[in-house]
Amino acid sequence: MSIEELAEHLDVSAVTIRFWIRSGKDIPAVRIGRQWRFKIEDADEWIQSGRSNFSG
């Protein structure tokens, strides 16, 4: 999924997702060219593990 799709799924802004990427929050993402892609399962696990410091 894209940054925008993940932002909608997590109910945050796309700017927040980009901030997490830049700030080294270890968000599970893959860069393909200039685009970031995410697996919804990995993002959900990342949130639930507490590594994100995000309470959803």
PDB file of N, CA and C in Angstrom:
ATOM      1  N   MET A   1       0.833  -1.170   0.000  1.00  0.00           N
ATOM      2  CA  MET A   1       0.000   0.000   0.000  1.00  0.00           C
ATOM      3  C   MET A   1       0.880   1.237   0.000  1.00  0.00           C
ATOM      4  N   SER A   2       0.322   2.325  -0.418  1.00  0.00           N
ATOM      5  CA  SER A   2       1.069   3.580  -0.514  1.00  0.00           C
ATOM      6  C   SER A   2       1.043   4.335   0.808  1.00  0.00           C
ATOM      7  N   ILE A   3       1.778   5.427   0.879  1.00  0.00           N
ATOM      8  CA  ILE A   3       1.783   6.275   2.066  1.00  0.00           C
ATOM      9  C   ILE A   3       0.368   6.766   2.361  1.00  0.00           C
ATOM     10  N   GLU A   4      -0.328   7.200   1.338  1.00  0.00           N
ATOM     11  CA  GLU A   4      -1.674   7.722   1.523  1.00  0.00           C
ATOM     12  C   GLU A   4      -2.631   6.644   2.024  1.00  0.00           C
ATOM     13  N   GLU A   5      -2.517   5.437   1.489  1.00  0.00           N
ATOM     14  CA  GLU A   5      -3.388   4.339   1.920  1.00  0.00           C
ATOM     15  C   GLU A   5      -3.091   3.946   3.369  1.00  0.00           C
ATOM     16  N   LEU A   6      -1.808   3.902   3.725  1.00  0.00           N
ATOM     17  CA  LEU A   6      -1.438   3.578   5.099  1.00  0.00           C
ATOM     18  C   LEU A   6      -1.925   4.667   6.056  1.00  0.00           C
ATOM     19  N   ALA A   7      -1.784   5.910   5.666  1.00  0.00           N
ATOM     20  CA  ALA A   7      -2.248   7.022   6.498  1.00  0.00           C
ATOM     21  C   ALA A   7      -3.748   6.902   6.760  1.00  0.00           C
ATOM     22  N   GLU A   8      -4.504   6.571   5.737  1.00  0.00           N
ATOM     23  CA  GLU A   8      -5.948   6.395   5.902  1.00  0.00           C
ATOM     24  C   GLU A   8      -6.237   5.213   6.825  1.00  0.00           C
ATOM     25  N   HIS A   9      -5.515   4.126   6.647  1.00  0.00           N
ATOM     26  CA  HIS A   9      -5.707   2.929   7.481  1.00  0.00           C
ATOM     27  C   HIS A   9      -5.428   3.225   8.959  1.00  0.00           C
ATOM     28  N   LEU A  10      -4.388   4.018   9.230  1.00  0.00           N
ATOM     29  CA  LEU A  10      -3.998   4.327  10.602  1.00  0.00           C
ATOM     30  C   LEU A  10      -4.685   5.579  11.147  1.00  0.00           C
ATOM     31  N   ASP A  11      -5.446   6.249  10.294  1.00  0.00           N
ATOM     32  CA  ASP A  11      -6.152   7.479  10.662  1.00  0.00           C
ATOM     33  C   ASP A  11      -5.180   8.571  11.112  1.00  0.00           C
ATOM     34  N   VAL A  12      -4.114   8.724  10.329  1.00  0.00           N
ATOM     35  CA  VAL A  12      -3.150   9.811  10.513  1.00  0.00           C
ATOM     36  C   VAL A  12      -2.948  10.455   9.149  1.00  0.00           C
ATOM     37  N   SER A  13      -2.217  11.553   9.113  1.00  0.00           N
ATOM     38  CA  SER A  13      -1.974  12.204   7.829  1.00  0.00           C
ATOM     39  C   SER A  13      -0.781  11.558   7.114  1.00  0.00           C
ATOM     40  N   ALA A  14      -0.733  11.755   5.815  1.00  0.00           N
ATOM     41  CA  ALA A  14       0.401  11.274   5.022  1.00  0.00           C
ATOM     42  C   ALA A  14       1.684  11.965   5.476  1.00  0.00           C
ATOM     43  N   VAL A  15       1.574  13.205   5.932  1.00  0.00           N
ATOM     44  CA  VAL A  15       2.722  13.944   6.447  1.00  0.00           C
ATOM     45  C   VAL A  15       3.312  13.217   7.658  1.00  0.00           C
ATOM     46  N   THR A  16       2.446  12.673   8.510  1.00  0.00           N
ATOM     47  CA  THR A  16       2.907  11.923   9.688  1.00  0.00           C
ATOM     48  C   THR A  16       3.682  10.683   9.266  1.00  0.00           C
ATOM     49  N   ILE A  17       3.182   9.955   8.274  1.00  0.00           N
ATOM     50  CA  ILE A  17       3.881   8.756   7.789  1.00  0.00           C
ATOM     51  C   ILE A  17       5.253   9.140   7.249  1.00  0.00           C
ATOM     52  N   ARG A  18       5.307  10.215   6.470  1.00  0.00           N
ATOM     53  CA  ARG A  18       6.596  10.665   5.924  1.00  0.00           C
ATOM     54  C   ARG A  18       7.548  11.082   7.052  1.00  0.00           C
ATOM     55  N   PHE A  19       7.017  11.718   8.087  1.00  0.00           N
ATOM     56  CA  PHE A  19       7.836  12.101   9.244  1.00  0.00           C
ATOM     57  C   PHE A  19       8.406  10.864   9.914  1.00  0.00           C
ATOM     58  N   TRP A  20       7.578   9.830  10.097  1.00  0.00           N
ATOM     59  CA  TRP A  20       8.048   8.590  10.717  1.00  0.00           C
ATOM     60  C   TRP A  20       9.187   7.973   9.903  1.00  0.00           C
ATOM     61  N   ILE A  21       9.061   8.008   8.585  1.00  0.00           N
ATOM     62  CA  ILE A  21      10.110   7.454   7.716  1.00  0.00           C
ATOM     63  C   ILE A  21      11.409   8.249   7.903  1.00  0.00           C
ATOM     64  N   ARG A  22      11.302   9.577   7.834  1.00  0.00           N
ATOM     65  CA  ARG A  22      12.495  10.437   7.939  1.00  0.00           C
ATOM     66  C   ARG A  22      13.137  10.395   9.319  1.00  0.00           C
ATOM     67  N   SER A  23      12.336  10.214  10.354  1.00  0.00           N
ATOM     68  CA  SER A  23      12.869  10.293  11.712  1.00  0.00           C
ATOM     69  C   SER A  23      13.455   8.971  12.199  1.00  0.00           C
ATOM     70  N   GLY A  24      13.460   7.969  11.337  1.00  0.00           N
ATOM     71  CA  GLY A  24      14.084   6.706  11.702  1.00  0.00           C
ATOM     72  C   GLY A  24      13.285   5.882  12.699  1.00  0.00           C
ATOM     73  N   LYS A  25      11.974   5.915  12.615  1.00  0.00           N
ATOM     74  CA  LYS A  25      11.121   5.177  13.544  1.00  0.00           C
ATOM     75  C   LYS A  25      11.046   3.690  13.223  1.00  0.00           C
ATOM     76  N   ASP A  26      11.832   3.218  12.283  1.00  0.00           N
ATOM     77  CA  ASP A  26      11.856   1.801  11.905  1.00  0.00           C
ATOM     78  C   ASP A  26      10.512   1.294  11.400  1.00  0.00           C
ATOM     79  N   ILE A  27       9.744   2.171  10.779  1.00  0.00           N
ATOM     80  CA  ILE A  27       8.471   1.745  10.196  1.00  0.00           C
ATOM     81  C   ILE A  27       8.782   0.752   9.074  1.00  0.00           C
ATOM     82  N   PRO A  28       8.085  -0.384   9.045  1.00  0.00           N
ATOM     83  CA  PRO A  28       8.392  -1.399   8.029  1.00  0.00           C
ATOM     84  C   PRO A  28       7.940  -0.940   6.642  1.00  0.00           C
ATOM     85  N   ALA A  29       8.898  -0.519   5.851  1.00  0.00           N
ATOM     86  CA  ALA A  29       8.605   0.020   4.527  1.00  0.00           C
ATOM     87  C   ALA A  29       9.662  -0.420   3.530  1.00  0.00           C
ATOM     88  N   VAL A  30       9.263  -0.448   2.284  1.00  0.00           N
ATOM     89  CA  VAL A  30      10.177  -0.777   1.196  1.00  0.00           C
ATOM     90  C   VAL A  30      10.133   0.376   0.214  1.00  0.00           C
ATOM     91  N   ARG A  31      11.304   0.838  -0.175  1.00  0.00           N
ATOM     92  CA  ARG A  31      11.367   1.913  -1.159  1.00  0.00           C
ATOM     93  C   ARG A  31      11.549   1.300  -2.539  1.00  0.00           C
ATOM     94  N   ILE A  32      10.641   1.646  -3.428  1.00  0.00           N
ATOM     95  CA  ILE A  32      10.695   1.195  -4.813  1.00  0.00           C
ATOM     96  C   ILE A  32      10.819   2.442  -5.675  1.00  0.00           C
ATOM     97  N   GLY A  33      12.018   2.674  -6.177  1.00  0.00           N
ATOM     98  CA  GLY A  33      12.270   3.921  -6.893  1.00  0.00           C
ATOM     99  C   GLY A  33      12.160   5.077  -5.924  1.00  0.00           C
ATOM    100  N   ARG A  34      11.232   5.986  -6.202  1.00  0.00           N
ATOM    101  CA  ARG A  34      11.010   7.128  -5.312  1.00  0.00           C
ATOM    102  C   ARG A  34       9.800   6.930  -4.414  1.00  0.00           C
ATOM    103  N   GLN A  35       9.151   5.793  -4.507  1.00  0.00           N
ATOM    104  CA  GLN A  35       7.925   5.559  -3.739  1.00  0.00           C
ATOM    105  C   GLN A  35       8.162   4.606  -2.580  1.00  0.00           C
ATOM    106  N   TRP A  36       7.483   4.853  -1.479  1.00  0.00           N
ATOM    107  CA  TRP A  36       7.508   3.969  -0.327  1.00  0.00           C
ATOM    108  C   TRP A  36       6.276   3.082  -0.384  1.00  0.00           C
ATOM    109  N   ARG A  37       6.447   1.809  -0.060  1.00  0.00           N
ATOM    110  CA  ARG A  37       5.344   0.839  -0.034  1.00  0.00           C
ATOM    111  C   ARG A  37       5.346   0.104   1.295  1.00  0.00           C
ATOM    112  N   PHE A  38       4.166  -0.288   1.718  1.00  0.00           N
ATOM    113  CA  PHE A  38       3.975  -0.904   3.021  1.00  0.00           C
ATOM    114  C   PHE A  38       3.074  -2.117   2.899  1.00  0.00           C
ATOM    115  N   LYS A  39       3.319  -3.135   3.733  1.00  0.00           N
ATOM    116  CA  LYS A  39       2.403  -4.263   3.875  1.00  0.00           C
ATOM    117  C   LYS A  39       1.551  -3.956   5.102  1.00  0.00           C
ATOM    118  N   ILE A  40       0.258  -4.044   4.948  1.00  0.00           N
ATOM    119  CA  ILE A  40      -0.650  -3.696   6.035  1.00  0.00           C
ATOM    120  C   ILE A  40      -0.396  -4.557   7.270  1.00  0.00           C
ATOM    121  N   GLU A  41      -0.088  -5.825   7.064  1.00  0.00           N
ATOM    122  CA  GLU A  41       0.160  -6.727   8.195  1.00  0.00           C
ATOM    123  C   GLU A  41       1.398  -6.285   8.979  1.00  0.00           C
ATOM    124  N   ASP A  42       2.444  -5.894   8.250  1.00  0.00           N
ATOM    125  CA  ASP A  42       3.680  -5.453   8.900  1.00  0.00           C
ATOM    126  C   ASP A  42       3.466  -4.147   9.654  1.00  0.00           C
ATOM    127  N   ALA A  43       2.703  -3.230   9.063  1.00  0.00           N
ATOM    128  CA  ALA A  43       2.432  -1.956   9.721  1.00  0.00           C
ATOM    129  C   ALA A  43       1.601  -2.157  10.982  1.00  0.00           C
ATOM    130  N   ASP A  44       0.598  -3.032  10.915  1.00  0.00           N
ATOM    131  CA  ASP A  44      -0.232  -3.317  12.090  1.00  0.00           C
ATOM    132  C   ASP A  44       0.604  -3.951  13.201  1.00  0.00           C
ATOM    133  N   GLU A  45       1.488  -4.873  12.838  1.00  0.00           N
ATOM    134  CA  GLU A  45       2.357  -5.506  13.832  1.00  0.00           C
ATOM    135  C   GLU A  45       3.291  -4.475  14.460  1.00  0.00           C
ATOM    136  N   TRP A  46       3.809  -3.569  13.637  1.00  0.00           N
ATOM    137  CA  TRP A  46       4.705  -2.513  14.110  1.00  0.00           C
ATOM    138  C   TRP A  46       3.999  -1.643  15.148  1.00  0.00           C
ATOM    139  N   ILE A  47       2.750  -1.306  14.896  1.00  0.00           N
ATOM    140  CA  ILE A  47       1.962  -0.506  15.839  1.00  0.00           C
ATOM    141  C   ILE A  47       1.727  -1.300  17.119  1.00  0.00           C
ATOM    142  N   GLN A  48       1.305  -2.547  16.987  1.00  0.00           N
ATOM    143  CA  GLN A  48       0.974  -3.371  18.150  1.00  0.00           C
ATOM    144  C   GLN A  48       2.204  -3.717  18.996  1.00  0.00           C
ATOM    145  N   SER A  49       3.363  -3.774  18.386  1.00  0.00           N
ATOM    146  CA  SER A  49       4.578  -4.121  19.128  1.00  0.00           C
ATOM    147  C   SER A  49       5.049  -3.001  20.047  1.00  0.00           C
ATOM    148  N   GLY A  50       4.548  -1.799  19.816  1.00  0.00           N
ATOM    149  CA  GLY A  50       4.961  -0.669  20.628  1.00  0.00           C
ATOM    150  C   GLY A  50       6.175   0.066  20.104  1.00  0.00           C
ATOM    151  N   ARG A  51       6.787  -0.443  19.040  1.00  0.00           N
ATOM    152  CA  ARG A  51       7.980   0.200  18.483  1.00  0.00           C
ATOM    153  C   ARG A  51       7.657   1.565  17.874  1.00  0.00           C
ATOM    154  N   SER A  52       6.377   1.793  17.550  1.00  0.00           N
ATOM    155  CA  SER A  52       6.006   3.031  16.891  1.00  0.00           C
ATOM    156  C   SER A  52       5.736   4.170  17.865  1.00  0.00           C
ATOM    157  N   ASN A  53       5.466   3.839  19.138  1.00  0.00           N
ATOM    158  CA  ASN A  53       5.036   4.831  20.124  1.00  0.00           C
ATOM    159  C   ASN A  53       3.746   5.524  19.674  1.00  0.00           C
ATOM    160  N   PHE A  54       2.919   4.787  18.937  1.00  0.00           N
ATOM    161  CA  PHE A  54       1.652   5.290  18.407  1.00  0.00           C
ATOM    162  C   PHE A  54       0.534   4.470  19.024  1.00  0.00           C
ATOM    163  N   SER A  55      -0.468   5.132  19.554  1.00  0.00           N
ATOM    164  CA  SER A  55      -1.542   4.397  20.241  1.00  0.00           C
ATOM    165  C   SER A  55      -2.744   4.146  19.360  1.00  0.00           C
ATOM    166  N   GLY A  56      -2.757   4.697  18.132  1.00  0.00           N
ATOM    167  CA  GLY A  56      -3.827   4.431  17.187  1.00  0.00           C
ATOM    168  C   GLY A  56      -5.113   4.966  17.628  1.00  0.00           C
TER     169      GLY A  56
END
